[in-house]
Structure formats: C-alpha cells, structure tokens
C-alpha cells in the first residue's frame, strides 16, 4: 500500500493539455474579472493585514476543486488552527460531507525548523500530483511563498553560497519556476487513457511593507498567469476581498472565453469589459474631483461615478461571513452584473436622447436600495434578480 515518491521531482504524466475551463471560486471579483483556469497558476501578493489568508480560505471552501491541499508554510500557527477547527464544521456544498474530508493540511508554521519549511511546499505539491493522477481536479494553496523563500535564504547563508538580490540565493527564480510549473491540466498515465486531472496552484506572497518590487514578488510575477493584487487601502476601508481591480490581471481570458460564450453568450465578456472600463474611468475622474470638486463634472461623468460606486459596493464587495453572500454562482454573478449595469445603460440612453432629467432624482431612486441588497438573494430565487432588473429599467425610463 505504501508508495515512495521524491518530492522535488514532478510526477510523470502522459500529455499536458491546454487549460480551457475556469476554476469557479464563487468570489465575484475573481470569477468575473480575473478568473483562473483549472490547471493554472495564480499569485496573491499583499501587505500584512490585507486579507491574503481570508482569500485563500474562501478559495479552499468554495472553489469547485475536488481536493484541496493547504500548505501553511512559515505562517502563524493560529491561522492553521483556524482551518483545522473550521473546516470539519463546514459542509461541502456538493457532497454534504464535512469540508475536511477533501482537504489535506501541510503544517509548517513559523516556529518550526527552516529545513522543514523549505521541504513543506514540495511535500504539498507531490501529494497534489498524486490526487491529480487519480483524475481529480486539485487546488493547492501555499501560504506563503515569501516565508519559503526566507527559509531558502537562511539555508543558502549557512551553506555559504554566493547571495543574490537582497540576500536571497541566486537560484531563487528557478526554484520558484520549478514549483509553479508543476501545475497544469494533464492526461494521466494508466490503463484509462481518457482520465484527465488538473492541478491549480495559488501562492500567497507577503512582501515586507507591501513592496511589490522585492525579488520574491517579481520572480513570481514572471511565472504565474493570474495576479490578484491586494490593496491595504481597500482592506482599511473594509472592502473585502481587497483585490485592486486596477492592478490585477488574468492571462486566461482567451483560454476560457469559449466556455463563457457557450454558457452565457457574448453578453458575459461584453459586460465584463464595460465594467472594467468604467472602473478605470472612475480612477481618472476621482483625480479631477479631488482637485476641483464634483460640480466640475459633466452629467455623463457623474453617471459613471454613480455606476462604479454601485459596482464597488454592491457587486465587488463580498461578505465572507454571510451565508448568502459568501458564495455566488456564475448564474447569479451574470444576473447581478446585468442588474448593476442596467443603471448605466438606461441613464446613458436618457442622456444621449437629450431628454432633461433631474440628476439628483435619478441618483436617489428608492428602488436602488433593493438593487444594493440583491446580492443577498438566495441562489434558488434568481428570478427575483431578473424581475428587479426589469422594474429598475422601467422606473429609470419613466422619470
């Protein structure tokens, strides 16, 4: 029954496949704007207190991976204890069993030896490959690769090797690359030629002081294809997940576009692009508002600011402790995005038609309170969101 595998060598497979299916996480800002494909790689850098561990816990709870490997690499012991205490109480939405039944924990906290910390990340990914070879979709969370790199630096110093940038070993980049390149969607070896498995790797990076120019972050960004940039200002403003929509990116849009087009038509990508464009315009308009005040803006620009405020507060912000808001299916995300953008589409149609409308009356429509609470609607009652959107559009047109 026992098998021995060298943890620093990748397990073999028959063929590497192109990742074409998104890993659905239930987190709106990730699934809509910065998705990760099954078999992809992602990085979550951010300063202390910006919510890296909370995001990883949410992904471990809600992502549609069949097996979750959680590596606590040099982080505080109480964070691993939280996982150990919380996951047995949580029900897996697919099977109804405790979430702990499909979770593997690798615990190497900050008070453990550096050699064990350096080996922990390889142990975790080898176990993940073992389940991938069975044909499962596996998600691996590494928290955090910065502490792993610090263990490398300490061991390199003791071996009296030539140091590189900021004292890290010169081979830091190649070690990180050899870890992340073990992710992927593959055809597994064995008698069943149709068996496919996927290993998705999500690594947290803890740069000192939130400095994204330090070596671990920069070497990670050269390798991974999804970058979720956590922002301390958003976290301080109690906006969670504190992922900055201006700095983050995903290079998997092209791979998974066919999946979204076949499921939701072209409306998904079109609305996603409109929302991102509006959020970028908001950043430019806020600079003008700071300098000369909101009265200097045109009606069109004020409509954009009002739309993006709704996007930020009613769509991107998500409460991890609320039963309805903690997880949002793709169907609900699509309907919510249509609902929020209905305000922009209808208001701009009135503005472009030349019809005079009291802008303050438009912004203070009573129905907007219902729109702001639409993300609390239960998954079984999504028709309510569609009906609310129709009423919302009608009330704006009837102004």
Protein backbone atom coordinates (compact mmCIF):
# COMPACT_ATOMS: atom_id res chain seq x y z
CA UNK A 1 0.00 0.00 0.00
CA UNK A 2 2.93 2.34 0.62
CA UNK A 3 4.40 4.38 -2.23
CA UNK A 4 7.61 6.40 -2.20
CA UNK A 5 7.99 9.47 -4.42
CA UNK A 6 10.84 12.03 -4.48
CA UNK A 7 9.09 15.30 -3.58
CA UNK A 8 11.43 17.57 -5.59
CA UNK A 9 10.74 15.74 -8.86
CA UNK A 10 7.43 16.20 -10.70
CA UNK A 11 5.29 13.07 -11.07
CA UNK A 12 5.06 11.82 -14.69
CA UNK A 13 2.01 12.17 -16.94
CA UNK A 14 1.02 11.15 -20.46
CA UNK A 15 0.32 14.55 -22.04
CA UNK A 16 -0.06 18.19 -20.93
CA UNK A 17 -3.33 19.81 -22.06
CA UNK A 18 -4.29 23.45 -22.54
CA UNK A 19 -6.44 24.72 -19.63
CA UNK A 20 -9.85 25.70 -21.02
CA UNK A 21 -12.25 25.55 -18.05
CA UNK A 22 -12.40 28.19 -15.30
CA UNK A 23 -11.99 27.18 -11.68
CA UNK A 24 -15.21 28.63 -10.24
CA UNK A 25 -14.48 30.15 -6.85
CA UNK A 26 -17.77 31.92 -6.02
CA UNK A 27 -15.85 35.17 -5.44
CA UNK A 28 -17.32 37.75 -7.83
CA UNK A 29 -14.21 39.87 -8.49
CA UNK A 30 -12.20 36.71 -9.28
CA UNK A 31 -14.70 34.80 -11.45
CA UNK A 32 -15.88 37.85 -13.40
CA UNK A 33 -12.75 39.96 -13.87
CA UNK A 34 -9.65 37.87 -13.05
CA UNK A 35 -10.50 34.16 -13.45
CA UNK A 36 -8.02 31.33 -13.05
CA UNK A 37 -8.30 28.23 -15.25
CA UNK A 38 -8.26 24.70 -13.86
CA UNK A 39 -4.61 23.73 -14.14
CA UNK A 40 -3.48 27.36 -13.94
CA UNK A 41 -1.25 29.38 -11.61
CA UNK A 42 -2.16 32.44 -9.55
CA UNK A 43 -0.44 34.71 -7.05
CA UNK A 44 -1.90 36.79 -4.20
CA UNK A 45 0.66 39.39 -3.07
CA UNK A 46 -0.24 41.96 -0.47
CA UNK A 47 0.94 43.65 2.73
CA UNK A 48 0.22 42.38 6.24
CA UNK A 49 -3.48 42.67 7.14
CA UNK A 50 -4.79 42.95 3.58
CA UNK A 51 -6.61 39.59 3.64
CA UNK A 52 -4.38 37.02 1.86
CA UNK A 53 -5.29 34.22 4.26
CA UNK A 54 -9.02 35.07 4.15
CA UNK A 55 -8.99 34.92 0.32
CA UNK A 56 -7.19 31.57 0.40
CA UNK A 57 -9.63 30.20 2.99
CA UNK A 58 -12.54 31.31 0.76
CA UNK A 59 -10.97 29.59 -2.26
CA UNK A 60 -10.38 26.43 -0.22
CA UNK A 61 -14.02 26.45 0.95
CA UNK A 62 -15.85 27.33 -2.24
CA UNK A 63 -13.73 26.54 -5.33
CA UNK A 64 -15.05 23.67 -7.45
CA UNK A 65 -11.88 21.63 -6.91
CA UNK A 66 -12.46 18.05 -5.73
CA UNK A 67 -9.39 18.01 -3.46
CA UNK A 68 -7.78 20.97 -1.65
CA UNK A 69 -4.18 20.95 -0.38
CA UNK A 70 -3.49 23.76 2.10
CA UNK A 71 0.19 24.40 2.89
CA UNK A 72 0.91 26.59 5.92
CA UNK A 73 4.49 27.50 5.11
CA UNK A 74 6.05 29.68 7.79
CA UNK A 75 2.80 31.47 8.71
CA UNK A 76 1.38 31.86 12.22
CA UNK A 77 0.11 28.73 13.93
CA UNK A 78 -3.29 30.24 14.76
CA UNK A 79 -4.10 30.51 11.02
CA UNK A 80 -3.60 26.76 10.55
CA UNK A 81 -5.62 26.17 13.74
CA UNK A 82 -8.49 28.21 12.24
CA UNK A 83 -8.55 25.89 9.21
CA UNK A 84 -8.31 22.78 11.40
CA UNK A 85 -11.18 23.93 13.65
CA UNK A 86 -13.43 25.47 10.98
CA UNK A 87 -13.29 23.01 8.06
CA UNK A 88 -14.71 19.95 9.93
CA UNK A 89 -17.79 22.09 10.78
CA UNK A 90 -18.34 23.34 7.23
CA UNK A 91 -20.41 21.26 4.82
CA UNK A 92 -19.14 20.63 1.30
CA UNK A 93 -21.96 22.07 -0.91
CA UNK A 94 -21.53 19.21 -3.46
CA UNK A 95 -21.36 16.13 -1.22
CA UNK A 96 -22.85 17.36 2.06
CA UNK A 97 -19.89 15.85 3.97
CA UNK A 98 -17.56 17.96 6.17
CA UNK A 99 -15.16 20.02 4.08
CA UNK A 100 -12.23 18.44 5.92
CA UNK A 101 -12.87 15.15 4.10
CA UNK A 102 -11.48 16.59 0.85
CA UNK A 103 -8.76 18.76 2.43
CA UNK A 104 -5.11 17.92 3.16
CA UNK A 105 -3.18 20.22 5.52
CA UNK A 106 0.61 20.57 5.47
CA UNK A 107 1.55 22.47 8.65
CA UNK A 108 5.00 24.05 8.86
CA UNK A 109 4.45 27.17 10.93
CA UNK A 110 6.93 29.92 11.75
CA UNK A 111 8.34 28.21 14.88
CA UNK A 112 9.34 25.03 13.00
CA UNK A 113 12.83 24.35 11.53
CA UNK A 114 13.71 26.15 8.29
CA UNK A 115 14.64 22.87 6.56
CA UNK A 116 11.14 21.51 7.21
CA UNK A 117 9.65 24.77 5.91
CA UNK A 118 11.69 24.53 2.70
CA UNK A 119 10.55 20.91 2.17
CA UNK A 120 6.87 21.54 3.02
CA UNK A 121 6.00 23.22 -0.27
CA UNK A 122 7.39 20.25 -2.26
CA UNK A 123 5.60 17.76 0.01
CA UNK A 124 2.31 19.54 -0.65
CA UNK A 125 2.64 19.67 -4.42
CA UNK A 126 3.68 15.98 -4.64
CA UNK A 127 0.55 14.97 -2.67
CA UNK A 128 -1.46 17.24 -5.02
CA UNK A 129 0.05 15.49 -8.07
CA UNK A 130 -0.83 12.12 -6.50
CA UNK A 131 -4.54 13.08 -6.42
CA UNK A 132 -4.28 14.71 -9.86
CA UNK A 133 -3.04 11.38 -11.25
CA UNK A 134 -6.25 9.76 -9.97
CA UNK A 135 -8.19 12.10 -12.29
CA UNK A 136 -9.25 14.69 -9.71
CA UNK A 137 -9.27 18.47 -10.02
CA UNK A 138 -6.91 19.65 -7.25
CA UNK A 139 -6.38 23.15 -5.84
CA UNK A 140 -3.19 23.87 -3.91
CA UNK A 141 -2.92 26.92 -1.59
CA UNK A 142 0.59 27.88 -0.47
CA UNK A 143 0.67 30.39 2.39
CA UNK A 144 3.18 31.86 1.89
CA UNK A 145 5.95 31.53 -0.68
CA UNK A 146 7.76 34.53 0.89
CA UNK A 147 8.37 32.55 4.10
CA UNK A 148 9.56 29.63 1.96
CA UNK A 149 12.00 31.96 0.15
CA UNK A 150 13.25 33.20 3.54
CA UNK A 151 13.96 29.59 4.53
CA UNK A 152 15.90 29.20 1.24
CA UNK A 153 17.85 32.37 2.07
CA UNK A 154 18.75 31.14 5.55
CA UNK A 155 19.84 27.71 4.30
CA UNK A 156 21.83 29.29 1.46
CA UNK A 157 23.60 31.53 4.01
CA UNK A 158 24.51 28.56 6.20
CA UNK A 159 25.90 26.74 3.14
CA UNK A 160 27.97 29.89 2.40
CA UNK A 161 26.62 30.21 -1.14
CA UNK A 162 27.02 33.43 -3.13
CA UNK A 163 23.96 35.62 -2.29
CA UNK A 164 21.84 37.32 -4.95
CA UNK A 165 19.48 40.27 -4.67
CA UNK A 166 18.55 41.22 -1.06
CA UNK A 167 20.46 38.19 0.24
CA UNK A 168 18.21 35.62 -1.48
CA UNK A 169 20.06 32.82 -3.30
CA UNK A 170 20.85 33.44 -6.97
CA UNK A 171 18.69 30.43 -7.94
CA UNK A 172 15.51 31.83 -6.30
CA UNK A 173 13.77 32.41 -9.67
CA UNK A 174 14.47 28.90 -10.98
CA UNK A 175 13.28 27.29 -7.71
CA UNK A 176 10.01 29.25 -7.84
CA UNK A 177 9.57 28.35 -11.53
CA UNK A 178 10.17 24.64 -10.88
CA UNK A 179 7.42 24.76 -8.22
CA UNK A 180 4.78 26.63 -10.24
CA UNK A 181 5.42 24.72 -13.49
CA UNK A 182 4.19 21.53 -11.78
CA UNK A 183 0.66 22.95 -12.08
CA UNK A 184 -1.33 22.03 -15.18
CA UNK A 185 -4.11 20.03 -16.78
CA UNK A 186 -2.82 16.63 -17.92
CA UNK A 187 -3.75 13.27 -19.36
CA UNK A 188 -2.84 10.82 -16.61
CA UNK A 189 -0.76 7.70 -17.01
CA UNK A 190 -2.54 4.37 -16.58
CA UNK A 191 -4.90 1.95 -18.31
CA UNK A 192 -7.68 4.53 -18.64
CA UNK A 193 -6.46 6.75 -21.48
CA UNK A 194 -9.35 9.23 -21.06
CA UNK A 195 -8.53 10.06 -17.44
CA UNK A 196 -7.64 13.75 -17.04
CA UNK A 197 -6.57 15.60 -13.92
CA UNK A 198 -5.88 19.25 -13.15
CA UNK A 199 -3.65 20.87 -10.54
CA UNK A 200 -4.21 24.59 -9.87
CA UNK A 201 -1.57 26.36 -7.76
CA UNK A 202 -2.39 29.56 -5.84
CA UNK A 203 0.50 31.08 -3.90
CA UNK A 204 0.34 33.92 -1.39
CA UNK A 205 3.28 36.33 -1.31
CA UNK A 206 3.97 38.51 1.75
CA UNK A 207 6.33 41.28 0.60
CA UNK A 208 7.78 43.31 3.52
CA UNK A 209 5.81 46.55 3.79
CA UNK A 210 3.74 45.64 0.72
CA UNK A 211 6.72 46.42 -1.58
CA UNK A 212 5.89 44.59 -4.84
CA UNK A 213 9.33 45.36 -6.30
CA UNK A 214 11.11 42.90 -3.98
CA UNK A 215 12.66 39.73 -5.51
CA UNK A 216 10.09 37.07 -4.45
CA UNK A 217 7.13 39.03 -5.87
CA UNK A 218 8.93 39.96 -9.08
CA UNK A 219 10.15 36.40 -9.74
CA UNK A 220 6.64 35.07 -9.03
CA UNK A 221 5.02 37.55 -11.44
CA UNK A 222 7.29 36.36 -14.26
CA UNK A 223 5.91 32.82 -13.84
CA UNK A 224 2.21 32.99 -12.87
CA UNK A 225 -0.60 33.99 -15.24
CA UNK A 226 -3.04 35.46 -12.70
CA UNK A 227 -2.17 38.33 -10.38
CA UNK A 228 -4.62 39.27 -7.61
CA UNK A 229 -3.10 42.42 -6.10
CA UNK A 230 -4.34 43.01 -2.55
CA UNK A 231 -4.60 46.66 -1.54
CA UNK A 232 -4.19 47.81 2.06
CA UNK A 233 -6.32 50.94 1.40
CA UNK A 234 -9.26 48.74 0.33
CA UNK A 235 -8.77 46.48 3.37
CA UNK A 236 -8.59 49.55 5.65
CA UNK A 237 -11.87 50.77 4.11
CA UNK A 238 -13.42 47.33 4.98
CA UNK A 239 -13.76 46.39 1.30
CA UNK A 240 -13.23 42.62 1.07
CA UNK A 241 -11.92 40.83 -0.93
CA UNK A 242 -9.40 43.69 -1.05
CA UNK A 243 -8.29 42.86 -4.62
CA UNK A 244 -7.35 46.01 -6.52
CA UNK A 245 -9.15 45.91 -9.89
CA UNK A 246 -6.72 48.41 -11.47
CA UNK A 247 -3.51 46.47 -10.70
CA UNK A 248 -4.72 42.86 -11.03
CA UNK A 249 -4.83 40.84 -14.25
CA UNK A 250 -5.55 37.39 -15.67
CA UNK A 251 -3.96 35.93 -18.80
CA UNK A 252 -6.53 33.10 -19.02
CA UNK A 253 -9.35 35.17 -20.59
CA UNK A 254 -8.50 33.88 -24.07
CA UNK A 255 -8.36 30.22 -22.90
CA UNK A 256 -11.74 30.24 -21.14
CA UNK A 257 -13.65 32.70 -23.34
CA UNK A 258 -15.17 29.82 -25.31
CA UNK A 259 -16.55 28.35 -22.05
CA UNK A 260 -18.30 31.61 -21.11
CA UNK A 261 -19.53 32.26 -24.68
CA UNK A 262 -21.07 28.78 -24.91
CA UNK A 263 -22.69 29.13 -21.45
CA UNK A 264 -23.86 32.76 -21.41
CA UNK A 265 -23.41 34.03 -24.96
CA UNK A 266 -21.29 37.06 -25.75
CA UNK A 267 -23.11 39.14 -23.11
CA UNK A 268 -20.75 37.99 -20.34
CA UNK A 269 -17.50 39.21 -21.91
CA UNK A 270 -19.13 42.38 -23.25
CA UNK A 271 -20.49 43.41 -19.83
CA UNK A 272 -17.27 42.43 -18.06
CA UNK A 273 -15.29 44.71 -20.42
CA UNK A 274 -17.75 47.61 -19.90
CA UNK A 275 -17.49 47.25 -16.10
CA UNK A 276 -13.66 47.21 -16.18
CA UNK A 277 -13.58 50.25 -18.49
CA UNK A 278 -15.90 52.17 -16.16
CA UNK A 279 -13.75 51.33 -13.12
CA UNK A 280 -10.67 52.62 -14.94
CA UNK A 281 -12.50 55.84 -15.92
CA UNK A 282 -13.56 56.27 -12.29
CA UNK A 283 -9.91 56.37 -11.16
CA UNK A 284 -9.23 59.25 -13.62
CA UNK A 285 -12.40 61.15 -12.63
CA UNK A 286 -11.65 60.85 -8.90
CA UNK A 287 -8.42 62.80 -9.51
CA UNK A 288 -10.47 65.63 -11.08
CA UNK A 289 -12.97 65.55 -8.17
CA UNK A 290 -10.13 65.88 -5.65
CA UNK A 291 -8.74 68.92 -7.46
CA UNK A 292 -11.83 70.92 -8.48
CA UNK A 293 -14.86 69.18 -6.90
CA UNK A 294 -17.73 67.09 -8.26
CA UNK A 295 -19.58 70.13 -9.68
CA UNK A 296 -16.94 70.39 -12.42
CA UNK A 297 -18.02 67.02 -13.89
CA UNK A 298 -20.49 66.61 -16.75
CA UNK A 299 -23.74 64.62 -16.34
CA UNK A 300 -22.19 61.69 -18.24
CA UNK A 301 -19.19 61.63 -15.87
CA UNK A 302 -21.45 61.80 -12.80
CA UNK A 303 -23.45 58.83 -14.15
CA UNK A 304 -20.17 56.88 -14.50
CA UNK A 305 -19.18 57.69 -10.90
CA UNK A 306 -22.59 56.62 -9.60
CA UNK A 307 -22.43 53.36 -11.60
CA UNK A 308 -18.94 52.48 -10.38
CA UNK A 309 -19.94 53.23 -6.77
CA UNK A 310 -22.69 50.61 -7.19
CA UNK A 311 -20.23 48.23 -8.88
CA UNK A 312 -17.77 48.52 -6.00
CA UNK A 313 -20.25 48.36 -3.10
CA UNK A 314 -22.99 46.10 -4.50
CA UNK A 315 -21.00 43.75 -6.74
CA UNK A 316 -17.27 43.59 -5.96
CA UNK A 317 -17.60 43.78 -2.17
CA UNK A 318 -18.45 40.41 -0.63
CA UNK A 319 -19.11 39.32 2.94
CA UNK A 320 -17.29 36.06 3.75
CA UNK A 321 -19.34 35.61 6.95
CA UNK A 322 -22.80 35.88 5.36
CA UNK A 323 -24.40 32.61 4.24
CA UNK A 324 -25.89 34.10 1.04
CA UNK A 325 -23.04 36.46 0.11
CA UNK A 326 -20.04 34.23 0.85
CA UNK A 327 -20.52 32.23 -2.37
CA UNK A 328 -22.06 33.45 -5.66
CA UNK A 329 -22.67 31.05 -8.57
CA UNK A 330 -21.81 32.14 -12.13
CA UNK A 331 -25.54 32.39 -12.97
CA UNK A 332 -26.10 34.78 -10.08
CA UNK A 333 -22.95 36.76 -10.96
CA UNK A 334 -24.16 37.27 -14.53
CA UNK A 335 -27.60 38.44 -13.37
CA UNK A 336 -26.14 40.77 -10.71
CA UNK A 337 -23.73 42.33 -13.22
CA UNK A 338 -26.61 42.94 -15.66
CA UNK A 339 -28.64 44.49 -12.82
CA UNK A 340 -25.88 46.89 -11.74
CA UNK A 341 -25.03 47.91 -15.32
CA UNK A 342 -28.75 48.48 -16.10
CA UNK A 343 -28.41 51.83 -14.30
CA UNK A 344 -25.56 52.90 -16.61
CA UNK A 345 -27.24 51.66 -19.80
CA UNK A 346 -30.63 53.31 -19.12
CA UNK A 347 -29.19 56.55 -17.71
CA UNK A 348 -26.84 56.97 -20.69
CA UNK A 349 -29.74 56.27 -23.10
CA UNK A 350 -31.71 59.14 -21.49
CA UNK A 351 -28.65 61.44 -21.52
CA UNK A 352 -27.90 60.73 -25.21
CA UNK A 353 -31.56 61.23 -26.22
CA UNK A 354 -31.39 64.85 -24.98
CA UNK A 355 -34.28 64.41 -22.54
CA UNK A 356 -33.97 66.59 -19.44
CA UNK A 357 -33.96 64.62 -16.18
CA UNK A 358 -33.36 65.70 -12.60
CA UNK A 359 -29.99 64.03 -11.95
CA UNK A 360 -30.47 64.03 -8.16
CA UNK A 361 -33.85 62.32 -8.53
CA UNK A 362 -32.22 59.69 -10.78
CA UNK A 363 -29.50 59.00 -8.20
CA UNK A 364 -31.94 58.72 -5.28
CA UNK A 365 -34.49 56.33 -6.79
CA UNK A 366 -35.98 54.24 -3.91
CA UNK A 367 -35.54 51.01 -5.91
CA UNK A 368 -31.74 51.42 -5.71
CA UNK A 369 -31.93 50.23 -2.09
CA UNK A 370 -33.31 46.90 -3.38
CA UNK A 371 -30.55 46.78 -6.04
CA UNK A 372 -27.91 47.30 -3.34
CA UNK A 373 -29.26 44.27 -1.42
CA UNK A 374 -29.73 41.99 -4.45
CA UNK A 375 -26.55 40.01 -3.71
CA UNK A 376 -28.27 38.65 -0.56
CA UNK A 377 -30.96 36.94 -2.70
CA UNK A 378 -30.83 33.14 -2.32
CA UNK A 379 -29.39 31.02 -5.16
CA UNK A 380 -32.78 29.27 -5.60
CA UNK A 381 -34.58 32.59 -6.22
CA UNK A 382 -32.54 34.08 -9.08
CA UNK A 383 -35.74 35.02 -10.95
CA UNK A 384 -36.15 37.79 -8.37
CA UNK A 385 -32.98 39.45 -9.70
CA UNK A 386 -34.31 39.31 -13.30
CA UNK A 387 -37.66 40.83 -12.21
CA UNK A 388 -35.86 43.51 -10.19
CA UNK A 389 -33.79 44.43 -13.28
CA UNK A 390 -36.97 44.89 -15.38
CA UNK A 391 -38.55 47.12 -12.69
CA UNK A 392 -35.31 49.07 -12.34
CA UNK A 393 -35.10 49.79 -16.08
CA UNK A 394 -38.79 50.79 -16.23
CA UNK A 395 -38.50 53.22 -13.30
CA UNK A 396 -35.49 54.94 -14.90
CA UNK A 397 -37.30 55.24 -18.26
CA UNK A 398 -40.44 56.64 -16.59
CA UNK A 399 -38.59 59.50 -14.88
